[in-house]
PDB file of N, CA and C in Angstrom:
ATOM      1  N   MET A   1      11.172 -12.338  10.188  1.00  0.00           N
ATOM      2  CA  MET A   1      10.592 -13.633   9.955  1.00  0.00           C
ATOM      3  C   MET A   1      10.017 -13.757   8.554  1.00  0.00           C
ATOM      4  N   THR A   2       9.265 -12.749   8.116  1.00  0.00           N
ATOM      5  CA  THR A   2       8.665 -12.872   6.796  1.00  0.00           C
ATOM      6  C   THR A   2       9.612 -12.359   5.737  1.00  0.00           C
ATOM      7  N   ARG A   3       9.425 -12.869   4.543  1.00  0.00           N
ATOM      8  CA  ARG A   3      10.191 -12.417   3.393  1.00  0.00           C
ATOM      9  C   ARG A   3       9.207 -11.863   2.379  1.00  0.00           C
ATOM     10  N   GLY A   4       9.487 -10.678   1.865  1.00  0.00           N
ATOM     11  CA  GLY A   4       8.553  -9.992   0.988  1.00  0.00           C
ATOM     12  C   GLY A   4       8.304 -10.655  -0.348  1.00  0.00           C
ATOM     13  N   GLY A   5       9.258 -11.392  -0.896  1.00  0.00           N
ATOM     14  CA  GLY A   5       9.105 -11.932  -2.229  1.00  0.00           C
ATOM     15  C   GLY A   5       8.250 -13.165  -2.321  1.00  0.00           C
ATOM     16  N   GLY A   6       7.894 -13.755  -1.223  1.00  0.00           N
ATOM     17  CA  GLY A   6       7.121 -14.998  -1.245  1.00  0.00           C
ATOM     18  C   GLY A   6       8.049 -16.196  -1.303  1.00  0.00           C
ATOM     19  N   VAL A   7       7.614 -17.288  -0.767  1.00  0.00           N
ATOM     20  CA  VAL A   7       8.400 -18.519  -0.753  1.00  0.00           C
ATOM     21  C   VAL A   7       7.550 -19.643  -1.300  1.00  0.00           C
ATOM     22  N   GLU A   8       8.215 -20.660  -1.771  1.00  0.00           N
ATOM     23  CA  GLU A   8       7.497 -21.841  -2.236  1.00  0.00           C
ATOM     24  C   GLU A   8       7.028 -22.638  -1.030  1.00  0.00           C
ATOM     25  N   SER A   9       5.782 -23.013  -1.023  1.00  0.00           N
ATOM     26  CA  SER A   9       5.222 -23.818   0.051  1.00  0.00           C
ATOM     27  C   SER A   9       4.943 -25.206  -0.501  1.00  0.00           C
ATOM     28  N   ALA A  10       5.258 -26.223   0.280  1.00  0.00           N
ATOM     29  CA  ALA A  10       5.014 -27.597  -0.158  1.00  0.00           C
ATOM     30  C   ALA A  10       3.525 -27.856  -0.358  1.00  0.00           C
ATOM     31  N   VAL A  11       2.695 -27.156   0.392  1.00  0.00           N
ATOM     32  CA  VAL A  11       1.243 -27.317   0.305  1.00  0.00           C
ATOM     33  C   VAL A  11       0.647 -25.973  -0.102  1.00  0.00           C
ATOM     34  N   LEU A  12      -0.156 -25.973  -1.153  1.00  0.00           N
ATOM     35  CA  LEU A  12      -0.792 -24.734  -1.588  1.00  0.00           C
ATOM     36  C   LEU A  12      -1.804 -24.262  -0.552  1.00  0.00           C
ATOM     37  N   PRO A  13      -1.925 -22.938  -0.365  1.00  0.00           N
ATOM     38  CA  PRO A  13      -2.934 -22.424   0.561  1.00  0.00           C
ATOM     39  C   PRO A  13      -4.330 -22.865   0.146  1.00  0.00           C
ATOM     40  N   ALA A  14      -5.169 -23.159   1.127  1.00  0.00           N
ATOM     41  CA  ALA A  14      -6.534 -23.617   0.863  1.00  0.00           C
ATOM     42  C   ALA A  14      -7.424 -22.487   0.365  1.00  0.00           C
ATOM     43  N   VAL A  15      -7.059 -21.245   0.682  1.00  0.00           N
ATOM     44  CA  VAL A  15      -7.862 -20.083   0.314  1.00  0.00           C
ATOM     45  C   VAL A  15      -6.992 -19.115  -0.473  1.00  0.00           C
ATOM     46  N   ASP A  16      -7.501 -18.618  -1.604  1.00  0.00           N
ATOM     47  CA  ASP A  16      -6.806 -17.600  -2.388  1.00  0.00           C
ATOM     48  C   ASP A  16      -7.485 -16.266  -2.110  1.00  0.00           C
ATOM     49  N   LEU A  17      -6.904 -15.479  -1.197  1.00  0.00           N
ATOM     50  CA  LEU A  17      -7.511 -14.226  -0.773  1.00  0.00           C
ATOM     51  C   LEU A  17      -7.422 -13.138  -1.834  1.00  0.00           C
ATOM     52  N   GLU A  18      -6.581 -13.324  -2.839  1.00  0.00           N
ATOM     53  CA  GLU A  18      -6.505 -12.362  -3.932  1.00  0.00           C
ATOM     54  C   GLU A  18      -7.612 -12.620  -4.948  1.00  0.00           C
ATOM     55  N   ALA A  19      -7.874 -13.868  -5.256  1.00  0.00           N
ATOM     56  CA  ALA A  19      -8.914 -14.222  -6.230  1.00  0.00           C
ATOM     57  C   ALA A  19     -10.316 -14.115  -5.633  1.00  0.00           C
ATOM     58  N   SER A  20     -10.443 -14.375  -4.333  1.00  0.00           N
ATOM     59  CA  SER A  20     -11.737 -14.328  -3.642  1.00  0.00           C
ATOM     60  C   SER A  20     -11.608 -13.467  -2.394  1.00  0.00           C
ATOM     61  N   PRO A  21     -11.543 -12.140  -2.556  1.00  0.00           N
ATOM     62  CA  PRO A  21     -11.339 -11.280  -1.390  1.00  0.00           C
ATOM     63  C   PRO A  21     -12.529 -11.293  -0.432  1.00  0.00           C
ATOM     64  N   VAL A  22     -12.224 -11.054   0.826  1.00  0.00           N
ATOM     65  CA  VAL A  22     -13.232 -10.920   1.875  1.00  0.00           C
ATOM     66  C   VAL A  22     -13.861  -9.535   1.734  1.00  0.00           C
ATOM     67  N   GLN A  23     -15.148  -9.404   2.046  1.00  0.00           N
ATOM     68  CA  GLN A  23     -15.822  -8.111   1.954  1.00  0.00           C
ATOM     69  C   GLN A  23     -15.066  -7.064   2.766  1.00  0.00           C
ATOM     70  N   GLY A  24     -14.756  -5.933   2.143  1.00  0.00           N
ATOM     71  CA  GLY A  24     -14.051  -4.855   2.821  1.00  0.00           C
ATOM     72  C   GLY A  24     -12.545  -5.041   2.907  1.00  0.00           C
ATOM     73  N   GLN A  25     -12.024  -6.061   2.266  1.00  0.00           N
ATOM     74  CA  GLN A  25     -10.589  -6.367   2.337  1.00  0.00           C
ATOM     75  C   GLN A  25      -9.759  -5.246   1.721  1.00  0.00           C
ATOM     76  N   LEU A  26      -8.752  -4.778   2.466  1.00  0.00           N
ATOM     77  CA  LEU A  26      -7.803  -3.791   1.973  1.00  0.00           C
ATOM     78  C   LEU A  26      -6.521  -4.461   1.499  1.00  0.00           C
ATOM     79  N   ALA A  27      -6.097  -5.480   2.212  1.00  0.00           N
ATOM     80  CA  ALA A  27      -4.883  -6.228   1.877  1.00  0.00           C
ATOM     81  C   ALA A  27      -4.979  -7.591   2.547  1.00  0.00           C
ATOM     82  N   SER A  28      -4.115  -8.502   2.114  1.00  0.00           N
ATOM     83  CA  SER A  28      -4.108  -9.838   2.712  1.00  0.00           C
ATOM     84  C   SER A  28      -2.718 -10.425   2.616  1.00  0.00           C
ATOM     85  N   ALA A  29      -2.511 -11.487   3.371  1.00  0.00           N
ATOM     86  CA  ALA A  29      -1.253 -12.224   3.311  1.00  0.00           C
ATOM     87  C   ALA A  29      -1.514 -13.668   3.693  1.00  0.00           C
ATOM     88  N   VAL A  30      -0.752 -14.551   3.091  1.00  0.00           N
ATOM     89  CA  VAL A  30      -0.734 -15.958   3.470  1.00  0.00           C
ATOM     90  C   VAL A  30       0.693 -16.247   3.899  1.00  0.00           C
ATOM     91  N   LEU A  31       0.848 -16.728   5.135  1.00  0.00           N
ATOM     92  CA  LEU A  31       2.163 -17.059   5.681  1.00  0.00           C
ATOM     93  C   LEU A  31       2.241 -18.548   5.927  1.00  0.00           C
ATOM     94  N   ASP A  32       3.459 -19.093   5.863  1.00  0.00           N
ATOM     95  CA  ASP A  32       3.616 -20.468   6.327  1.00  0.00           C
ATOM     96  C   ASP A  32       3.719 -20.427   7.848  1.00  0.00           C
ATOM     97  N   LEU A  33       3.797 -21.560   8.491  1.00  0.00           N
ATOM     98  CA  LEU A  33       3.780 -21.599   9.961  1.00  0.00           C
ATOM     99  C   LEU A  33       5.088 -21.155  10.595  1.00  0.00           C
ATOM    100  N   GLN A  34       6.089 -20.813   9.764  1.00  0.00           N
ATOM    101  CA  GLN A  34       7.327 -20.228  10.272  1.00  0.00           C
ATOM    102  C   GLN A  34       7.325 -18.714  10.104  1.00  0.00           C
ATOM    103  N   GLY A  35       6.256 -18.165   9.514  1.00  0.00           N
ATOM    104  CA  GLY A  35       6.135 -16.722   9.345  1.00  0.00           C
ATOM    105  C   GLY A  35       6.605 -16.200   8.011  1.00  0.00           C
ATOM    106  N   ASN A  36       6.986 -17.067   7.095  1.00  0.00           N
ATOM    107  CA  ASN A  36       7.423 -16.632   5.771  1.00  0.00           C
ATOM    108  C   ASN A  36       6.214 -16.318   4.899  1.00  0.00           C
ATOM    109  N   MET A  37       6.261 -15.183   4.203  1.00  0.00           N
ATOM    110  CA  MET A  37       5.161 -14.806   3.323  1.00  0.00           C
ATOM    111  C   MET A  37       5.142 -15.714   2.099  1.00  0.00           C
ATOM    112  N   VAL A  38       4.004 -16.364   1.885  1.00  0.00           N
ATOM    113  CA  VAL A  38       3.809 -17.215   0.710  1.00  0.00           C
ATOM    114  C   VAL A  38       3.256 -16.365  -0.428  1.00  0.00           C
ATOM    115  N   ARG A  39       2.269 -15.504  -0.105  1.00  0.00           N
ATOM    116  CA  ARG A  39       1.712 -14.574  -1.092  1.00  0.00           C
ATOM    117  C   ARG A  39       0.921 -13.502  -0.375  1.00  0.00           C
ATOM    118  N   GLY A  40       0.621 -12.426  -1.087  1.00  0.00           N
ATOM    119  CA  GLY A  40      -0.219 -11.379  -0.534  1.00  0.00           C
ATOM    120  C   GLY A  40       0.324  -9.994  -0.767  1.00  0.00           C
ATOM    121  N   GLN A  41      -0.516  -8.994  -0.441  1.00  0.00           N
ATOM    122  CA  GLN A  41      -0.144  -7.593  -0.613  1.00  0.00           C
ATOM    123  C   GLN A  41       0.121  -6.881   0.708  1.00  0.00           C
ATOM    124  N   LEU A  42      -0.115  -7.520   1.820  1.00  0.00           N
ATOM    125  CA  LEU A  42       0.144  -6.905   3.117  1.00  0.00           C
ATOM    126  C   LEU A  42       1.636  -6.629   3.226  1.00  0.00           C
ATOM    127  N   SER A  43       1.999  -5.480   3.764  1.00  0.00           N
ATOM    128  CA  SER A  43       3.422  -5.145   3.847  1.00  0.00           C
ATOM    129  C   SER A  43       4.149  -6.172   4.716  1.00  0.00           C
ATOM    130  N   PRO A  44       5.360  -6.560   4.309  1.00  0.00           N
ATOM    131  CA  PRO A  44       6.126  -7.525   5.113  1.00  0.00           C
ATOM    132  C   PRO A  44       6.309  -7.099   6.569  1.00  0.00           C
ATOM    133  N   PRO A  45       6.566  -5.796   6.873  1.00  0.00           N
ATOM    134  CA  PRO A  45       6.670  -5.428   8.294  1.00  0.00           C
ATOM    135  C   PRO A  45       5.372  -5.667   9.070  1.00  0.00           C
ATOM    136  N   ASP A  46       4.213  -5.367   8.448  1.00  0.00           N
ATOM    137  CA  ASP A  46       2.932  -5.618   9.120  1.00  0.00           C
ATOM    138  C   ASP A  46       2.719  -7.112   9.340  1.00  0.00           C
ATOM    139  N   ALA A  47       3.001  -7.916   8.311  1.00  0.00           N
ATOM    140  CA  ALA A  47       2.845  -9.368   8.432  1.00  0.00           C
ATOM    141  C   ALA A  47       3.767  -9.916   9.515  1.00  0.00           C
ATOM    142  N   ASP A  48       4.997  -9.429   9.557  1.00  0.00           N
ATOM    143  CA  ASP A  48       5.962  -9.888  10.558  1.00  0.00           C
ATOM    144  C   ASP A  48       5.499  -9.527  11.966  1.00  0.00           C
ATOM    145  N   THR A  49       5.017  -8.293  12.148  1.00  0.00           N
ATOM    146  CA  THR A  49       4.539  -7.862  13.468  1.00  0.00           C
ATOM    147  C   THR A  49       3.361  -8.710  13.927  1.00  0.00           C
ATOM    148  N   LEU A  50       2.387  -8.930  13.051  1.00  0.00           N
ATOM    149  CA  LEU A  50       1.231  -9.752  13.420  1.00  0.00           C
ATOM    150  C   LEU A  50       1.644 -11.181  13.726  1.00  0.00           C
ATOM    151  N   PHE A  51       2.546 -11.735  12.936  1.00  0.00           N
ATOM    152  CA  PHE A  51       2.995 -13.103  13.186  1.00  0.00           C
ATOM    153  C   PHE A  51       3.677 -13.204  14.549  1.00  0.00           C
ATOM    154  N   ARG A  52       4.525 -12.228  14.872  1.00  0.00           N
ATOM    155  CA  ARG A  52       5.193 -12.246  16.190  1.00  0.00           C
ATOM    156  C   ARG A  52       4.182 -12.130  17.325  1.00  0.00           C
ATOM    157  N   MET A  53       3.150 -11.294  17.138  1.00  0.00           N
ATOM    158  CA  MET A  53       2.098 -11.186  18.151  1.00  0.00           C
ATOM    159  C   MET A  53       1.422 -12.535  18.361  1.00  0.00           C
ATOM    160  N   LEU A  54       1.160 -13.246  17.275  1.00  0.00           N
ATOM    161  CA  LEU A  54       0.500 -14.547  17.368  1.00  0.00           C
ATOM    162  C   LEU A  54       1.372 -15.559  18.091  1.00  0.00           C
ATOM    163  N   VAL A  55       2.654 -15.549  17.784  1.00  0.00           N
ATOM    164  CA  VAL A  55       3.574 -16.484  18.435  1.00  0.00           C
ATOM    165  C   VAL A  55       3.641 -16.193  19.931  1.00  0.00           C
ATOM    166  N   GLU A  56       3.700 -14.906  20.293  1.00  0.00           N
ATOM    167  CA  GLU A  56       3.773 -14.540  21.708  1.00  0.00           C
ATOM    168  C   GLU A  56       2.455 -14.795  22.437  1.00  0.00           C
ATOM    169  N   ALA A  57       1.331 -14.682  21.722  1.00  0.00           N
ATOM    170  CA  ALA A  57       0.018 -14.870  22.348  1.00  0.00           C
ATOM    171  C   ALA A  57      -0.288 -16.329  22.641  1.00  0.00           C
ATOM    172  N   GLY A  58       0.264 -17.226  21.854  1.00  0.00           N
ATOM    173  CA  GLY A  58      -0.034 -18.636  22.071  1.00  0.00           C
ATOM    174  C   GLY A  58       0.579 -19.493  20.999  1.00  0.00           C
ATOM    175  N   SER A  59       0.426 -20.757  21.164  1.00  0.00           N
ATOM    176  CA  SER A  59       1.045 -21.726  20.272  1.00  0.00           C
ATOM    177  C   SER A  59       0.391 -21.736  18.900  1.00  0.00           C
ATOM    178  N   LEU A  60       1.204 -21.850  17.860  1.00  0.00           N
ATOM    179  CA  LEU A  60       0.698 -22.053  16.504  1.00  0.00           C
ATOM    180  C   LEU A  60       0.533 -23.528  16.214  1.00  0.00           C
ATOM    181  N   GLU A  61       0.974 -24.357  17.139  1.00  0.00           N
ATOM    182  CA  GLU A  61       0.883 -25.806  16.946  1.00  0.00           C
ATOM    183  C   GLU A  61      -0.560 -26.263  17.098  1.00  0.00           C
ATOM    184  N   THR A  62      -0.915 -27.281  16.368  1.00  0.00           N
ATOM    185  CA  THR A  62      -2.238 -27.879  16.501  1.00  0.00           C
ATOM    186  C   THR A  62      -2.126 -29.370  16.212  1.00  0.00           C
ATOM    187  N   THR A  63      -3.063 -30.113  16.706  1.00  0.00           N
ATOM    188  CA  THR A  63      -3.077 -31.547  16.428  1.00  0.00           C
ATOM    189  C   THR A  63      -4.334 -31.884  15.655  1.00  0.00           C
ATOM    190  N   MET A  64      -4.401 -33.058  15.120  1.00  0.00           N
ATOM    191  CA  MET A  64      -5.576 -33.476  14.361  1.00  0.00           C
ATOM    192  C   MET A  64      -6.832 -33.469  15.233  1.00  0.00           C
ATOM    193  N   GLU A  65      -6.677 -33.660  16.525  1.00  0.00           N
ATOM    194  CA  GLU A  65      -7.823 -33.647  17.430  1.00  0.00           C
ATOM    195  C   GLU A  65      -8.264 -32.223  17.753  1.00  0.00           C
ATOM    196  N   GLY A  66      -7.502 -31.226  17.295  1.00  0.00           N
ATOM    197  CA  GLY A  66      -7.885 -29.842  17.515  1.00  0.00           C
ATOM    198  C   GLY A  66      -7.389 -29.256  18.824  1.00  0.00           C
ATOM    199  N   ALA A  67      -6.569 -29.965  19.563  1.00  0.00           N
ATOM    200  CA  ALA A  67      -6.073 -29.455  20.837  1.00  0.00           C
ATOM    201  C   ALA A  67      -4.936 -28.471  20.587  1.00  0.00           C
ATOM    202  N   GLY A  68      -4.945 -27.382  21.301  1.00  0.00           N
ATOM    203  CA  GLY A  68      -3.854 -26.431  21.229  1.00  0.00           C
ATOM    204  C   GLY A  68      -3.912 -25.549  20.000  1.00  0.00           C
ATOM    205  N   GLY A  69      -3.296 -24.391  20.095  1.00  0.00           N
ATOM    206  CA  GLY A  69      -3.218 -23.482  18.963  1.00  0.00           C
ATOM    207  C   GLY A  69      -4.524 -22.748  18.703  1.00  0.00           C
ATOM    208  N   PHE A  70      -4.413 -21.599  18.019  1.00  0.00           N
ATOM    209  CA  PHE A  70      -5.607 -20.827  17.709  1.00  0.00           C
ATOM    210  C   PHE A  70      -6.148 -21.225  16.345  1.00  0.00           C
ATOM    211  N   ARG A  71      -7.393 -20.905  16.092  1.00  0.00           N
ATOM    212  CA  ARG A  71      -8.015 -21.111  14.779  1.00  0.00           C
ATOM    213  C   ARG A  71      -8.364 -19.774  14.139  1.00  0.00           C
ATOM    214  N   ARG A  72      -8.771 -18.786  14.950  1.00  0.00           N
ATOM    215  CA  ARG A  72      -9.112 -17.471  14.421  1.00  0.00           C
ATOM    216  C   ARG A  72      -8.873 -16.433  15.499  1.00  0.00           C
ATOM    217  N   LEU A  73      -8.383 -15.268  15.077  1.00  0.00           N
ATOM    218  CA  LEU A  73      -8.086 -14.185  15.999  1.00  0.00           C
ATOM    219  C   LEU A  73      -8.349 -12.872  15.276  1.00  0.00           C
ATOM    220  N   THR A  74      -8.945 -11.902  15.967  1.00  0.00           N
ATOM    221  CA  THR A  74      -9.153 -10.577  15.394  1.00  0.00           C
ATOM    222  C   THR A  74      -8.371  -9.571  16.220  1.00  0.00           C
ATOM    223  N   VAL A  75      -7.587  -8.733  15.541  1.00  0.00           N
ATOM    224  CA  VAL A  75      -6.808  -7.676  16.183  1.00  0.00           C
ATOM    225  C   VAL A  75      -7.326  -6.360  15.620  1.00  0.00           C
ATOM    226  N   THR A  76      -7.829  -5.476  16.497  1.00  0.00           N
ATOM    227  CA  THR A  76      -8.418  -4.222  16.040  1.00  0.00           C
ATOM    228  C   THR A  76      -7.649  -3.038  16.602  1.00  0.00           C
ATOM    229  N   PHE A  77      -7.253  -2.149  15.699  1.00  0.00           N
ATOM    230  CA  PHE A  77      -6.638  -0.877  16.061  1.00  0.00           C
ATOM    231  C   PHE A  77      -7.674   0.209  15.790  1.00  0.00           C
ATOM    232  N   SER A  78      -7.331   1.476  15.958  1.00  0.00           N
ATOM    233  CA  SER A  78      -8.328   2.539  15.805  1.00  0.00           C
ATOM    234  C   SER A  78      -8.951   2.584  14.414  1.00  0.00           C
ATOM    235  N   SER A  79      -8.177   2.348  13.368  1.00  0.00           N
ATOM    236  CA  SER A  79      -8.746   2.454  12.021  1.00  0.00           C
ATOM    237  C   SER A  79      -8.614   1.183  11.184  1.00  0.00           C
ATOM    238  N   ILE A  80      -7.840   0.224  11.650  1.00  0.00           N
ATOM    239  CA  ILE A  80      -7.575  -1.000  10.881  1.00  0.00           C
ATOM    240  C   ILE A  80      -7.890  -2.225  11.729  1.00  0.00           C
ATOM    241  N   ARG A  81      -8.439  -3.242  11.082  1.00  0.00           N
ATOM    242  CA  ARG A  81      -8.700  -4.521  11.745  1.00  0.00           C
ATOM    243  C   ARG A  81      -7.999  -5.613  10.949  1.00  0.00           C
ATOM    244  N   TYR A  82      -7.402  -6.549  11.670  1.00  0.00           N
ATOM    245  CA  TYR A  82      -6.794  -7.724  11.056  1.00  0.00           C
ATOM    246  C   TYR A  82      -7.543  -8.955  11.547  1.00  0.00           C
ATOM    247  N   VAL A  83      -8.023  -9.748  10.622  1.00  0.00           N
ATOM    248  CA  VAL A  83      -8.633 -11.025  10.961  1.00  0.00           C
ATOM    249  C   VAL A  83      -7.628 -12.088  10.552  1.00  0.00           C
ATOM    250  N   VAL A  84      -7.276 -12.929  11.502  1.00  0.00           N
ATOM    251  CA  VAL A  84      -6.247 -13.944  11.282  1.00  0.00           C
ATOM    252  C   VAL A  84      -6.874 -15.311  11.502  1.00  0.00           C
ATOM    253  N   ALA A  85      -6.668 -16.195  10.554  1.00  0.00           N
ATOM    254  CA  ALA A  85      -7.151 -17.574  10.669  1.00  0.00           C
ATOM    255  C   ALA A  85      -6.035 -18.493  10.215  1.00  0.00           C
ATOM    256  N   ARG A  86      -6.178 -19.773  10.493  1.00  0.00           N
ATOM    257  CA  ARG A  86      -5.125 -20.707  10.102  1.00  0.00           C
ATOM    258  C   ARG A  86      -5.706 -22.057   9.761  1.00  0.00           C
ATOM    259  N   ASP A  87      -4.917 -22.807   9.030  1.00  0.00           N
ATOM    260  CA  ASP A  87      -5.212 -24.215   8.818  1.00  0.00           C
ATOM    261  C   ASP A  87      -3.955 -24.976   9.218  1.00  0.00           C
ATOM    262  N   GLU A  88      -3.833 -26.205   8.826  1.00  0.00           N
ATOM    263  CA  GLU A  88      -2.694 -27.018   9.261  1.00  0.00           C
ATOM    264  C   GLU A  88      -1.363 -26.566   8.673  1.00  0.00           C
ATOM    265  N   GLU A  89      -1.394 -25.787   7.581  1.00  0.00           N
ATOM    266  CA  GLU A  89      -0.161 -25.405   6.892  1.00  0.00           C
ATOM    267  C   GLU A  89       0.088 -23.904   6.792  1.00  0.00           C
ATOM    268  N   HIS A  90      -0.950 -23.071   6.952  1.00  0.00           N
ATOM    269  CA  HIS A  90      -0.815 -21.648   6.671  1.00  0.00           C
ATOM    270  C   HIS A  90      -1.540 -20.778   7.686  1.00  0.00           C
ATOM    271  N   VAL A  91      -1.085 -19.526   7.757  1.00  0.00           N
ATOM    272  CA  VAL A  91      -1.749 -18.470   8.518  1.00  0.00           C
ATOM    273  C   VAL A  91      -2.267 -17.471   7.487  1.00  0.00           C
ATOM    274  N   TYR A  92      -3.550 -17.112   7.584  1.00  0.00           N
ATOM    275  CA  TYR A  92      -4.190 -16.190   6.651  1.00  0.00           C
ATOM    276  C   TYR A  92      -4.491 -14.891   7.394  1.00  0.00           C
ATOM    277  N   ILE A  93      -4.060 -13.766   6.830  1.00  0.00           N
ATOM    278  CA  ILE A  93      -4.295 -12.460   7.444  1.00  0.00           C
ATOM    279  C   ILE A  93      -5.072 -11.602   6.455  1.00  0.00           C
ATOM    280  N   VAL A  94      -6.181 -11.019   6.911  1.00  0.00           N
ATOM    281  CA  VAL A  94      -6.969 -10.102   6.089  1.00  0.00           C
ATOM    282  C   VAL A  94      -7.036  -8.768   6.820  1.00  0.00           C
ATOM    283  N   GLN A  95      -6.673  -7.706   6.122  1.00  0.00           N
ATOM    284  CA  GLN A  95      -6.733  -6.355   6.665  1.00  0.00           C
ATOM    285  C   GLN A  95      -7.999  -5.679   6.146  1.00  0.00           C
ATOM    286  N   THR A  96      -8.806  -5.121   7.073  1.00  0.00           N
ATOM    287  CA  THR A  96     -10.009  -4.373   6.709  1.00  0.00           C
ATOM    288  C   THR A  96     -10.035  -3.087   7.530  1.00  0.00           C
ATOM    289  N   ARG A  97     -10.967  -2.212   7.206  1.00  0.00           N
ATOM    290  CA  ARG A  97     -11.146  -1.009   8.026  1.00  0.00           C
ATOM    291  C   ARG A  97     -11.887  -1.392   9.305  1.00  0.00           C
ATOM    292  N   ALA A  98     -11.478  -0.789  10.412  1.00  0.00           N
ATOM    293  CA  ALA A  98     -12.174  -1.024  11.684  1.00  0.00           C
ATOM    294  C   ALA A  98     -13.450  -0.192  11.690  1.00  0.00           C
ATOM    295  N   GLY A  99     -14.419  -0.681  12.402  1.00  0.00           N
ATOM    296  CA  GLY A  99     -15.579   0.157  12.584  1.00  0.00           C
ATOM    297  C   GLY A  99     -16.811  -0.427  12.150  1.00  0.00           C
TER     298      GLY A  99
END
């Protein structure tokens, strides 16, 4: 689903995770709602796996009234944590250390 080189998005991401990193950030990625990598340093296989988990867990669709779809999700493994958030155009993934 994701492509490592980045794709042009019609709408620029609202947050630049490279210019303004989250505290403890190890890597990040910005994906479009189809799972294509727009920018970031997170490995494409990791971004693809997380995106597929999100699609299987629930709808990425949302309406202006806020019905349906997730807004934020945290996935924690033994040593790594991924915080995932979204807006109307993008999915934002931040990788940090768990613990």
